[in-house]
Amino acid sequence: MRKLLTTLATSLVCVVCAFSQTNVPMTGNCNVTYNSDGSTTLVCTLSTVVPPPSTQTVSVSISPTTPTVQINATQPFTATVTGTSNTAVTWSTSTGTISNTGLFTAPGSAGTATVTATSVASPSQYASTVVTVTGGGGSGGYGGMQQLASDNFSRANGALGVNWAPLAGELDSTLAISNQQVQSSNGGLAKDMYYGGINWPADQYSQAQVITASSGQGGPAVRMTSAGYHYAGHVFNLGTGNVFADIIRDTGNNYTVLNSTSTATVLSGDYIQLSVKGATLTLTDITQNTVLLTATDSAIPAGYPGISLNPEGNPSSVQVWANWSGGALTSALALNTIASDNFNRANAANLGTNWTAGSGHFDIQIAGDQIQPSTTPTGAANPALEYYSGTAFQSDQWSEGQIIATGVAGSGPDDNGAVLRYQGTADTYYLGDIQLTGGPEHCQTSIARVVNGTQTVLVQDPYFSVVGAGDIIRAQVQGSLISLIDVSSGALLLTAFDTNITGGSPGWLLNPTTSTPVAANWSGGGFQ
């Protein structure tokens, strides 16, 4: 009898387990009690069977491993996470900086950095690699150049903003931000250069991340000037061993292909860099650590780095780029003030002993702590011009002043601008000119060269420039690069290059063509 009950208890456990409503495996014990009256009591205790934990392990790997990077240069990293559906990682570095997308920026001194990718799903799992940071030289990469600026376009859709300037000679389109990436604003040829308050050296690089290149051409550009002059490194498509790429020289929509290939490997997400050192241009896929092309050309001596995109009439989405950076072989020079004059003195027919009227020009007079042309006929053949002769200036120089009034909208422009490299024995100089103030398509600006009294306009812009009354503007010349800048807004208005004039002094010019141009608060200097 006892044996029968024990067998029955075991069977009941199996029955309960088999028919559990939760369909979860169960186990337990049953006890049989023989009562004094001859009855029997069966008590069973059951519990669910907890399955063992999963043996799948999260793992992280990082690429590339043990790369070498120049000081201040960037290196993109990628992380691969297995063993979980959450493949996100957090990035960290022992020195330098790294973005949340894995873009590492090396520190400003040589050494090593440890870059780490940590799994978000399992923070105990991570991968690290050691980056060797070198101090210059070497092949590929940046060739010893240092990063001076970057832009990840992480802001509202629309224009690139004040740090960027469209090329005045390129009226098809401008670059525009769309979802933290850049593309042509309307499918036309778009070229923008980066200023960012930097006095860019001639030896420089421009780098950007290619997202889409399915038609047309696009890529980084160097030595850009407003009239359309620049070098560009173009990528036409993406793939392995079948990518067409070239390096071109553009002298104002006059393209010359300097070198090209149809067998390159460029993938979506790769960082493409164009650098120029002297006359040597190098197009590099930084991500693949591969030099795509080199070329030699000396036609364009200076300018600004930027981006050139041409969808060739296709939708803008055929050329999409992101994460721009730029740098140079040497540090950017800072401004050094040598002289200044706020004209805070009695009204006078000329600017005084520190100033000299230009050859064949009328004087500039002081009126109410501001300056304006002397009492000359409107539209005089020779405008009022004085240069600062109270001290010597280096050939690389700048001239800055405040635009109070110039031109009359609907009537015509005046000339109110900064003079550079004025040579007193000959009426020779550069002029950064504000002719009309206002917004786009109302403001008018230009850079001109005057040699022995004969003016040649190097570049002018009636479309993109914005200058308000009261703005401080500065013209500057470094070697052959001439720039006109709105200091108040931080915008690069115009830039050009020219090699005809060296040496001389800064000053100011006022020409009352339609009204009385007025300026104030002048200063001038050099670079250090």
Protein backbone atom coordinates (compact mmCIF):
# COMPACT_ATOMS: atom_id res chain seq x y z
CA MET A 1 0.00 0.00 0.00
CA ARG A 2 2.76 2.48 0.97
CA LYS A 3 4.66 1.66 -2.16
CA LEU A 4 1.54 2.28 -4.22
CA LEU A 5 0.98 5.70 -2.62
CA THR A 6 4.57 6.71 -3.13
CA THR A 7 4.28 5.81 -6.80
CA LEU A 8 1.03 7.76 -6.98
CA ALA A 9 2.69 10.86 -5.45
CA THR A 10 5.44 10.78 -8.05
CA SER A 11 2.86 10.44 -10.80
CA LEU A 12 0.90 13.43 -9.47
CA VAL A 13 4.03 15.57 -9.59
CA CYS A 14 4.46 14.65 -13.25
CA VAL A 15 0.80 15.35 -13.97
CA VAL A 16 0.92 18.77 -12.31
CA CYS A 17 4.12 19.65 -14.14
CA ALA A 18 2.75 18.50 -17.47
CA PHE A 19 -0.48 20.45 -17.17
CA SER A 20 0.82 23.66 -15.57
CA GLN A 21 -1.20 26.59 -16.91
CA THR A 22 1.96 28.65 -17.45
CA ASN A 23 3.48 25.94 -19.63
CA VAL A 24 6.72 26.43 -17.67
CA PRO A 25 8.70 23.38 -16.51
CA MET A 26 8.10 22.64 -12.82
CA THR A 27 9.58 20.39 -10.13
CA GLY A 28 8.75 19.54 -6.52
CA ASN A 29 8.22 16.95 -3.74
CA CYS A 30 5.19 15.02 -2.46
CA ASN A 31 4.87 13.65 1.09
CA VAL A 32 2.44 10.84 2.09
CA THR A 33 1.09 10.79 5.69
CA TYR A 34 -0.63 7.66 7.14
CA ASN A 35 -3.24 8.75 9.62
CA SER A 36 -4.27 6.78 12.75
CA ASP A 37 -7.76 6.32 11.46
CA GLY A 38 -6.38 4.53 8.43
CA SER A 39 -6.71 7.47 6.01
CA THR A 40 -3.86 8.85 3.95
CA THR A 41 -2.86 12.52 3.27
CA LEU A 42 -0.85 13.54 0.21
CA VAL A 43 0.93 16.99 0.29
CA CYS A 44 2.90 18.21 -2.77
CA THR A 45 5.19 21.31 -2.98
CA LEU A 46 5.93 22.51 -6.55
CA SER A 47 8.13 25.25 -8.06
CA THR A 48 8.99 26.46 -11.57
CA VAL A 49 12.27 25.50 -13.16
CA VAL A 50 14.29 28.67 -14.05
CA PRO A 51 16.19 28.13 -17.32
CA PRO A 52 19.93 28.82 -17.21
CA PRO A 53 21.06 32.28 -18.44
CA SER A 54 22.01 32.75 -22.11
CA THR A 55 25.63 31.99 -22.89
CA GLN A 56 25.77 34.58 -25.81
CA THR A 57 28.54 37.13 -25.11
CA VAL A 58 28.65 40.77 -26.22
CA SER A 59 31.92 41.69 -27.94
CA VAL A 60 33.31 44.93 -29.38
CA SER A 61 35.97 45.50 -32.04
CA ILE A 62 37.42 48.77 -33.32
CA SER A 63 38.85 49.81 -36.69
CA PRO A 64 41.41 50.89 -37.74
CA THR A 65 43.88 49.42 -35.27
CA THR A 66 47.09 51.23 -34.23
CA PRO A 67 46.87 54.09 -36.79
CA THR A 68 49.37 56.94 -37.03
CA VAL A 69 47.97 60.49 -37.09
CA GLN A 70 49.61 63.91 -37.41
CA ILE A 71 49.24 66.42 -34.57
CA ASN A 72 45.91 68.28 -34.68
CA ALA A 73 44.73 65.98 -37.48
CA THR A 74 41.57 63.86 -37.50
CA GLN A 75 41.08 60.10 -37.83
CA PRO A 76 37.66 58.42 -38.14
CA PHE A 77 37.07 55.18 -36.19
CA THR A 78 34.29 52.61 -36.50
CA ALA A 79 33.16 50.04 -33.91
CA THR A 80 31.50 46.67 -34.50
CA VAL A 81 29.31 45.17 -31.72
CA THR A 82 28.13 41.53 -31.78
CA GLY A 83 26.02 39.49 -29.41
CA THR A 84 23.27 42.06 -29.00
CA SER A 85 20.78 43.93 -31.13
CA ASN A 86 21.94 47.22 -29.55
CA THR A 87 25.12 48.02 -31.48
CA ALA A 88 25.59 51.54 -30.06
CA VAL A 89 28.89 52.48 -28.40
CA THR A 90 30.27 55.43 -26.47
CA TRP A 91 33.65 56.80 -27.54
CA SER A 92 36.43 58.07 -25.29
CA THR A 93 40.09 58.95 -25.64
CA SER A 94 42.96 59.43 -23.23
CA THR A 95 44.10 62.61 -24.99
CA GLY A 96 42.84 64.70 -27.87
CA THR A 97 39.11 64.61 -28.51
CA ILE A 98 36.65 62.23 -30.14
CA SER A 99 33.08 62.85 -31.32
CA ASN A 100 30.07 60.66 -30.67
CA THR A 101 30.44 59.37 -34.24
CA GLY A 102 34.04 58.22 -33.68
CA LEU A 103 35.93 61.13 -35.30
CA PHE A 104 39.20 61.47 -33.35
CA THR A 105 41.10 64.78 -33.31
CA ALA A 106 44.73 64.42 -32.29
CA PRO A 107 46.25 66.72 -29.65
CA GLY A 108 48.72 69.46 -30.52
CA SER A 109 51.77 67.51 -29.36
CA ALA A 110 53.33 64.19 -30.37
CA GLY A 111 52.80 61.02 -28.33
CA THR A 112 50.17 58.32 -28.06
CA ALA A 113 46.43 58.27 -27.39
CA THR A 114 44.20 55.39 -26.40
CA VAL A 115 40.84 55.40 -28.15
CA THR A 116 38.10 53.25 -26.59
CA ALA A 117 34.65 52.13 -27.80
CA THR A 118 32.37 50.86 -25.01
CA SER A 119 29.18 48.87 -25.59
CA VAL A 120 26.02 50.68 -24.47
CA ALA A 121 24.20 47.37 -24.03
CA SER A 122 27.01 45.84 -21.94
CA PRO A 123 29.30 48.55 -20.53
CA SER A 124 31.78 45.94 -19.27
CA GLN A 125 32.58 45.13 -22.89
CA TYR A 126 34.85 47.48 -24.83
CA ALA A 127 37.68 47.65 -27.36
CA SER A 128 40.67 49.98 -27.41
CA THR A 129 43.43 50.89 -29.83
CA VAL A 130 46.56 52.99 -29.48
CA VAL A 131 46.97 55.96 -31.82
CA THR A 132 50.47 57.21 -32.54
CA VAL A 133 50.49 61.01 -32.85
CA THR A 134 53.44 62.35 -34.81
CA GLY A 135 54.69 65.90 -35.10
CA GLY A 136 54.91 66.41 -38.86
CA GLY A 137 56.37 65.11 -42.09
CA GLY A 138 55.40 61.72 -43.39
CA SER A 139 53.45 60.76 -46.49
CA GLY A 140 49.72 60.76 -46.99
CA GLY A 141 47.47 62.10 -44.27
CA TYR A 142 48.05 65.75 -43.64
CA GLY A 143 51.73 65.90 -44.54
CA GLY A 144 52.46 67.68 -41.26
CA MET A 145 49.53 70.09 -41.48
CA GLN A 146 47.51 71.10 -38.44
CA GLN A 147 43.75 71.46 -38.19
CA LEU A 148 42.57 75.06 -37.85
CA ALA A 149 38.79 74.71 -38.21
CA SER A 150 35.95 72.20 -38.43
CA ASP A 151 32.20 72.19 -39.04
CA ASN A 152 29.87 69.24 -38.45
CA PHE A 153 26.84 71.22 -39.73
CA SER A 154 24.89 70.30 -36.59
CA ARG A 155 22.38 73.14 -36.83
CA ALA A 156 19.15 74.13 -38.54
CA ASN A 157 18.66 73.38 -42.22
CA GLY A 158 19.48 76.23 -44.58
CA ALA A 159 22.50 78.38 -45.39
CA LEU A 160 25.89 77.37 -44.03
CA GLY A 161 26.17 80.54 -41.94
CA VAL A 162 28.52 83.43 -41.39
CA ASN A 163 31.75 81.37 -41.35
CA TRP A 164 31.16 80.38 -44.98
CA ALA A 165 31.11 82.54 -48.09
CA PRO A 166 29.72 81.61 -51.52
CA LEU A 167 31.86 82.41 -54.53
CA ALA A 168 30.60 85.66 -56.05
CA GLY A 169 31.23 84.39 -59.56
CA GLU A 170 29.13 81.25 -59.00
CA LEU A 171 25.46 82.17 -59.34
CA ASP A 172 23.99 78.71 -59.95
CA SER A 173 23.55 77.77 -56.32
CA THR A 174 25.07 77.82 -52.84
CA LEU A 175 25.71 75.05 -50.37
CA ALA A 176 22.94 74.31 -47.88
CA ILE A 177 22.57 72.23 -44.73
CA SER A 178 20.06 69.38 -44.82
CA ASN A 179 19.88 67.09 -41.78
CA GLN A 180 23.44 67.89 -40.62
CA GLN A 181 24.85 67.29 -44.10
CA VAL A 182 25.59 69.64 -47.02
CA GLN A 183 24.41 69.60 -50.59
CA SER A 184 23.60 72.05 -53.38
CA SER A 185 20.68 74.28 -52.42
CA ASN A 186 18.88 73.76 -55.74
CA GLY A 187 20.75 71.17 -57.77
CA GLY A 188 23.11 73.67 -59.39
CA LEU A 189 26.86 74.14 -59.12
CA ALA A 190 27.59 75.19 -55.51
CA LYS A 191 30.91 76.30 -54.05
CA ASP A 192 31.48 77.80 -50.61
CA MET A 193 34.74 78.71 -48.87
CA TYR A 194 35.43 78.77 -45.14
CA TYR A 195 36.71 81.94 -43.43
CA GLY A 196 35.90 81.59 -39.73
CA GLY A 197 38.04 84.56 -38.73
CA ILE A 198 41.21 82.75 -39.87
CA ASN A 199 43.96 84.37 -41.93
CA TRP A 200 44.53 81.21 -43.98
CA PRO A 201 48.06 80.30 -45.08
CA ALA A 202 48.52 79.29 -48.72
CA ASP A 203 49.60 75.72 -47.89
CA GLN A 204 46.36 74.20 -46.64
CA TYR A 205 43.98 71.27 -46.73
CA SER A 206 40.22 70.75 -46.93
CA GLN A 207 38.53 67.51 -45.86
CA ALA A 208 34.94 66.25 -45.81
CA GLN A 209 33.02 63.01 -45.39
CA VAL A 210 31.31 61.69 -48.50
CA ILE A 211 27.82 60.35 -47.79
CA THR A 212 26.40 60.07 -51.31
CA ALA A 213 28.07 60.41 -54.70
CA SER A 214 25.81 58.79 -57.27
CA SER A 215 26.05 61.38 -60.05
CA GLY A 216 27.78 64.67 -60.82
CA GLN A 217 30.93 65.44 -58.86
CA GLY A 218 31.86 66.83 -55.48
CA GLY A 219 34.56 67.10 -52.89
CA PRO A 220 36.93 69.31 -50.93
CA ALA A 221 38.49 72.42 -52.47
CA VAL A 222 41.51 74.58 -51.60
CA ARG A 223 42.78 78.08 -52.43
CA MET A 224 39.29 79.29 -53.26
CA THR A 225 38.66 82.94 -54.16
CA SER A 226 35.47 84.83 -54.91
CA ALA A 227 35.93 85.00 -58.67
CA GLY A 228 35.72 81.19 -58.88
CA TYR A 229 39.42 80.33 -58.81
CA HIS A 230 40.26 77.17 -56.86
CA TYR A 231 41.54 73.60 -56.88
CA ALA A 232 39.09 70.77 -56.19
CA GLY A 233 39.30 67.04 -55.58
CA HIS A 234 36.19 65.41 -57.05
CA VAL A 235 34.53 62.05 -56.40
CA PHE A 236 31.98 61.04 -59.04
CA ASN A 237 30.71 57.71 -57.64
CA LEU A 238 31.26 55.21 -54.83
CA GLY A 239 32.49 51.63 -54.96
CA THR A 240 35.47 49.31 -54.86
CA GLY A 241 37.99 49.61 -57.65
CA ASN A 242 35.62 51.47 -60.01
CA VAL A 243 35.44 55.01 -58.63
CA PHE A 244 36.21 57.94 -60.92
CA ALA A 245 38.02 60.81 -59.18
CA ASP A 246 40.00 63.81 -60.35
CA ILE A 247 41.94 66.90 -59.27
CA ILE A 248 40.97 70.00 -61.23
CA ARG A 249 41.97 73.64 -61.52
CA ASP A 250 39.12 76.10 -61.99
CA THR A 251 39.96 79.63 -63.10
CA GLY A 252 36.48 81.07 -63.06
CA ASN A 253 34.47 78.22 -64.68
CA ASN A 254 37.42 77.33 -66.91
CA TYR A 255 38.13 73.73 -65.85
CA THR A 256 41.43 71.95 -66.37
CA VAL A 257 41.76 68.34 -65.23
CA LEU A 258 45.20 67.98 -63.67
CA ASN A 259 44.95 64.25 -62.97
CA SER A 260 42.24 61.57 -62.81
CA THR A 261 41.60 57.89 -62.10
CA SER A 262 38.76 55.45 -62.77
CA THR A 263 39.94 52.61 -60.52
CA ALA A 264 39.79 54.14 -57.05
CA THR A 265 38.05 52.69 -54.00
CA VAL A 266 35.86 55.16 -52.09
CA LEU A 267 32.99 54.07 -49.85
CA SER A 268 30.12 55.95 -48.25
CA GLY A 269 31.33 57.44 -44.98
CA ASP A 270 34.95 57.84 -46.13
CA TYR A 271 36.79 61.07 -45.34
CA ILE A 272 38.30 62.65 -48.47
CA GLN A 273 41.02 65.27 -48.20
CA LEU A 274 42.64 67.61 -50.72
CA SER A 275 45.88 69.25 -49.62
CA VAL A 276 48.18 71.71 -51.35
CA LYS A 277 51.80 72.36 -50.41
CA GLY A 278 53.53 74.77 -52.74
CA ALA A 279 52.60 73.46 -56.19
CA THR A 280 51.84 69.88 -55.08
CA LEU A 281 48.22 68.75 -54.72
CA THR A 282 47.29 65.45 -53.03
CA LEU A 283 43.85 63.81 -52.95
CA THR A 284 43.66 61.25 -50.13
CA ASP A 285 41.03 58.85 -48.81
CA ILE A 286 41.84 59.26 -45.12
CA THR A 287 39.57 56.38 -44.08
CA GLN A 288 41.17 53.92 -46.50
CA ASN A 289 44.64 55.46 -45.84
CA THR A 290 45.10 55.67 -49.60
CA VAL A 291 46.47 58.44 -51.81
CA LEU A 292 44.04 58.59 -54.70
CA LEU A 293 45.80 61.16 -56.88
CA THR A 294 48.58 63.74 -56.96
CA ALA A 295 49.10 66.68 -59.31
CA THR A 296 51.40 69.65 -59.74
CA ASP A 297 50.21 73.16 -60.59
CA SER A 298 51.18 76.70 -59.57
CA ALA A 299 48.50 78.81 -61.28
CA ILE A 300 46.56 79.59 -58.08
CA PRO A 301 48.86 80.86 -55.30
CA ALA A 302 46.47 81.44 -52.38
CA GLY A 303 42.88 81.34 -51.15
CA TYR A 304 40.55 79.66 -48.68
CA PRO A 305 39.58 75.98 -48.12
CA GLY A 306 36.01 74.84 -48.75
CA ILE A 307 33.69 72.48 -50.62
CA SER A 308 32.64 72.23 -54.28
CA LEU A 309 29.53 70.25 -55.29
CA ASN A 310 28.03 69.93 -58.76
CA PRO A 311 24.99 67.64 -59.17
CA GLU A 312 25.01 68.59 -62.86
CA GLY A 313 21.29 69.29 -62.98
CA ASN A 314 20.32 66.18 -61.03
CA PRO A 315 18.61 66.33 -57.63
CA SER A 316 20.81 67.78 -54.92
CA SER A 317 20.75 64.43 -53.12
CA VAL A 318 23.16 62.86 -55.64
CA GLN A 319 26.09 64.68 -53.94
CA VAL A 320 25.86 64.79 -50.14
CA TRP A 321 28.79 65.47 -47.81
CA ALA A 322 29.31 66.04 -44.09
CA ASN A 323 31.83 66.69 -41.29
CA TRP A 324 34.16 69.24 -42.88
CA SER A 325 37.55 70.25 -41.49
CA GLY A 326 40.40 72.40 -42.73
CA GLY A 327 43.97 73.14 -41.75
CA ALA A 328 47.32 74.47 -42.83
CA LEU A 329 51.02 73.75 -42.80
CA THR A 330 51.66 76.70 -40.47
CA SER A 331 49.63 78.45 -37.81
CA ALA A 332 47.40 81.30 -38.93
CA LEU A 333 48.88 84.73 -38.33
CA ALA A 334 47.24 87.21 -35.98
CA LEU A 335 46.62 90.91 -36.66
CA ASN A 336 49.09 93.42 -35.29
CA THR A 337 47.86 97.02 -34.94
CA ILE A 338 50.52 99.56 -35.92
CA ALA A 339 48.47 102.78 -36.12
CA SER A 340 44.94 104.00 -35.43
CA ASP A 341 42.97 107.23 -35.75
CA ASN A 342 39.47 107.89 -34.43
CA PHE A 343 39.48 111.43 -35.90
CA ASN A 344 38.36 112.77 -32.53
CA ARG A 345 39.66 116.28 -33.07
CA ALA A 346 38.64 119.59 -34.58
CA ASN A 347 37.16 119.66 -38.04
CA ALA A 348 39.86 120.07 -40.66
CA ALA A 349 40.30 120.18 -44.42
CA ASN A 350 42.63 117.15 -44.29
CA LEU A 351 43.52 114.34 -41.90
CA GLY A 352 46.66 115.94 -40.49
CA THR A 353 50.39 115.36 -40.21
CA ASN A 354 50.32 111.54 -40.07
CA TRP A 355 48.43 111.37 -43.35
CA THR A 356 49.34 112.21 -46.95
CA ALA A 357 47.00 112.76 -49.90
CA GLY A 358 47.45 110.32 -52.74
CA SER A 359 49.09 111.46 -55.94
CA GLY A 360 46.49 113.42 -57.93
CA HIS A 361 43.79 112.90 -55.27
CA PHE A 362 41.75 115.31 -53.22
CA ASP A 363 42.12 115.49 -49.45
CA ILE A 364 39.82 113.78 -46.97
CA GLN A 365 38.30 116.16 -44.42
CA ILE A 366 37.32 115.68 -40.79
CA ALA A 367 33.73 116.63 -39.91
CA GLY A 368 32.23 115.79 -36.53
CA ASP A 369 34.83 113.09 -35.67
CA GLN A 370 34.12 111.39 -38.97
CA ILE A 371 35.73 111.62 -42.41
CA GLN A 372 34.25 112.52 -45.77
CA PRO A 373 35.50 113.84 -49.10
CA SER A 374 36.71 117.40 -49.22
CA THR A 375 34.44 119.89 -50.98
CA THR A 376 34.92 118.63 -54.52
CA PRO A 377 32.53 118.30 -57.42
CA THR A 378 30.30 115.23 -57.25
CA GLY A 379 31.75 112.44 -59.39
CA ALA A 380 35.25 113.92 -59.39
CA ALA A 381 37.66 112.07 -61.69
CA ASN A 382 40.08 111.53 -58.80
CA PRO A 383 38.40 110.64 -55.51
CA ALA A 384 39.56 111.76 -52.08
CA LEU A 385 42.34 109.47 -50.84
CA GLU A 386 44.86 109.68 -48.02
CA TYR A 387 47.31 107.07 -46.81
CA TYR A 388 48.92 106.78 -43.38
CA SER A 389 52.50 108.04 -43.67
CA GLY A 390 53.27 108.47 -39.95
CA THR A 391 55.05 105.10 -39.75
CA ALA A 392 56.27 102.27 -41.94
CA PHE A 393 54.22 99.17 -42.69
CA GLN A 394 55.20 95.71 -43.83
CA SER A 395 54.04 94.60 -47.27
CA ASP A 396 51.48 92.22 -45.73
CA GLN A 397 49.06 94.69 -44.14
CA TRP A 398 45.48 95.59 -43.34
CA SER A 399 43.33 98.72 -43.28
CA GLU A 400 40.09 98.93 -41.28
CA GLY A 401 37.36 101.51 -40.78
CA GLN A 402 33.71 102.06 -39.98
CA ILE A 403 31.24 102.57 -42.81
CA ILE A 404 28.81 105.33 -41.77
CA ALA A 405 27.17 105.96 -45.15
CA THR A 406 27.84 105.08 -48.77
CA GLY A 407 25.69 105.11 -51.89
CA VAL A 408 21.96 105.57 -52.21
CA ALA A 409 19.72 102.63 -53.02
CA GLY A 410 17.98 103.24 -56.32
CA SER A 411 20.36 106.08 -57.25
CA GLY A 412 23.74 104.43 -57.41
CA PRO A 413 26.90 103.52 -55.54
CA ASP A 414 29.68 105.59 -54.00
CA ASP A 415 33.18 104.40 -53.14
CA ASN A 416 33.96 104.05 -49.44
CA GLY A 417 36.82 101.68 -48.83
CA ALA A 418 40.12 100.58 -47.41
CA VAL A 419 43.34 101.25 -49.29
CA LEU A 420 46.24 98.76 -49.22
CA ARG A 421 49.87 99.03 -50.37
CA TYR A 422 49.53 102.62 -51.54
CA GLN A 423 52.67 103.82 -53.29
CA GLY A 424 52.88 107.60 -53.07
CA THR A 425 55.13 108.28 -56.06
CA ALA A 426 52.72 106.42 -58.31
CA ASP A 427 48.96 106.22 -57.90
CA THR A 428 49.15 102.46 -57.27
CA TYR A 429 47.21 100.49 -54.63
CA TYR A 430 44.56 97.88 -53.83
CA LEU A 431 41.04 98.93 -52.79
CA GLY A 432 38.50 96.98 -50.75
CA ASP A 433 35.36 98.96 -51.54
CA ILE A 434 31.87 99.20 -50.03
CA GLN A 435 29.74 100.89 -52.68
CA LEU A 436 26.24 100.27 -51.31
CA THR A 437 25.13 99.01 -47.90
CA GLY A 438 22.20 96.67 -47.40
CA GLY A 439 21.25 93.02 -47.68
CA PRO A 440 21.73 90.46 -50.47
CA GLU A 441 21.15 91.88 -53.96
CA HIS A 442 21.16 95.40 -52.50
CA CYS A 443 24.66 95.66 -51.06
CA GLN A 444 27.51 96.10 -53.52
CA THR A 445 31.19 95.36 -52.81
CA SER A 446 34.38 95.01 -54.85
CA ILE A 447 38.14 94.52 -54.73
CA ALA A 448 40.13 96.49 -57.28
CA ARG A 449 43.74 97.02 -58.35
CA VAL A 450 44.88 100.50 -59.36
CA VAL A 451 48.22 100.88 -61.16
CA ASN A 452 49.35 104.38 -62.15
CA GLY A 453 45.78 105.59 -61.81
CA THR A 454 44.23 102.86 -63.99
CA GLN A 455 41.71 100.71 -62.14
CA THR A 456 41.05 97.03 -62.76
CA VAL A 457 38.23 95.36 -60.82
CA LEU A 458 39.47 91.97 -59.60
CA VAL A 459 36.10 90.83 -58.25
CA GLN A 460 32.77 92.40 -57.40
CA ASP A 461 29.58 91.17 -55.74
CA PRO A 462 26.10 92.67 -56.14
CA TYR A 463 24.39 89.44 -54.97
CA PHE A 464 25.61 87.87 -51.72
CA SER A 465 27.30 90.58 -49.61
CA VAL A 466 25.61 92.05 -46.54
CA VAL A 467 26.96 95.26 -44.97
CA GLY A 468 25.03 97.50 -42.61
CA ALA A 469 25.58 101.19 -41.91
CA GLY A 470 27.91 101.35 -38.92
CA ASP A 471 29.71 98.09 -39.71
CA ILE A 472 33.48 97.88 -39.35
CA ILE A 473 35.07 96.56 -42.52
CA ARG A 474 38.66 95.49 -43.12
CA ALA A 475 40.69 94.96 -46.26
CA GLN A 476 43.84 92.90 -45.89
CA VAL A 477 46.58 91.53 -48.12
CA GLN A 478 48.82 88.56 -47.34
CA GLY A 479 51.27 87.83 -50.11
CA SER A 480 49.02 87.71 -53.17
CA LEU A 481 45.74 87.09 -51.29
CA ILE A 482 43.47 90.13 -50.86
CA SER A 483 40.37 89.86 -48.66
CA LEU A 484 37.49 92.15 -47.75
CA ILE A 485 35.87 91.32 -44.40
CA ASP A 486 32.91 92.65 -42.44
CA VAL A 487 34.46 92.62 -38.96
CA SER A 488 31.13 93.43 -37.29
CA SER A 489 29.38 90.32 -38.64
CA GLY A 490 32.47 88.15 -39.02
CA ALA A 491 31.70 87.52 -42.70
CA LEU A 492 34.18 87.23 -45.54
CA LEU A 493 32.71 89.49 -48.23
CA LEU A 494 35.17 89.03 -51.08
CA THR A 495 38.61 87.65 -51.80
CA ALA A 496 40.93 87.68 -54.80
CA PHE A 497 44.58 87.13 -55.59
CA ASP A 498 46.94 89.40 -57.45
CA THR A 499 50.73 89.67 -57.71
CA ASN A 500 51.15 93.13 -59.27
CA ILE A 501 51.66 95.33 -56.19
CA THR A 502 54.07 94.84 -53.29
CA GLY A 503 54.97 97.27 -50.50
CA GLY A 504 53.30 100.53 -49.58
CA SER A 505 50.98 101.93 -46.91
CA PRO A 506 47.35 101.47 -45.83
CA GLY A 507 44.82 104.30 -46.06
CA TRP A 508 41.26 105.21 -47.02
CA LEU A 509 39.36 106.34 -50.13
CA LEU A 510 36.07 108.24 -50.47
CA ASN A 511 34.44 108.97 -53.82
CA PRO A 512 31.11 110.91 -53.82
CA THR A 513 29.56 109.51 -56.99
CA THR A 514 25.90 109.86 -55.97
CA SER A 515 26.03 111.06 -52.35
CA THR A 516 28.54 111.82 -49.60
CA PRO A 517 30.30 108.70 -48.33
CA VAL A 518 31.23 108.92 -44.63
CA ALA A 519 33.59 106.76 -42.55
CA ALA A 520 35.12 106.75 -39.05
CA ASN A 521 37.42 104.92 -36.63
CA TRP A 522 40.36 103.87 -38.79
CA SER A 523 43.17 101.48 -37.86
CA GLY A 524 45.89 99.70 -39.77
CA GLY A 525 48.65 97.20 -39.20
CA GLY A 526 50.30 93.95 -40.22
CA PHE A 527 50.47 90.30 -39.18
CA GLN A 528 52.48 88.44 -36.58
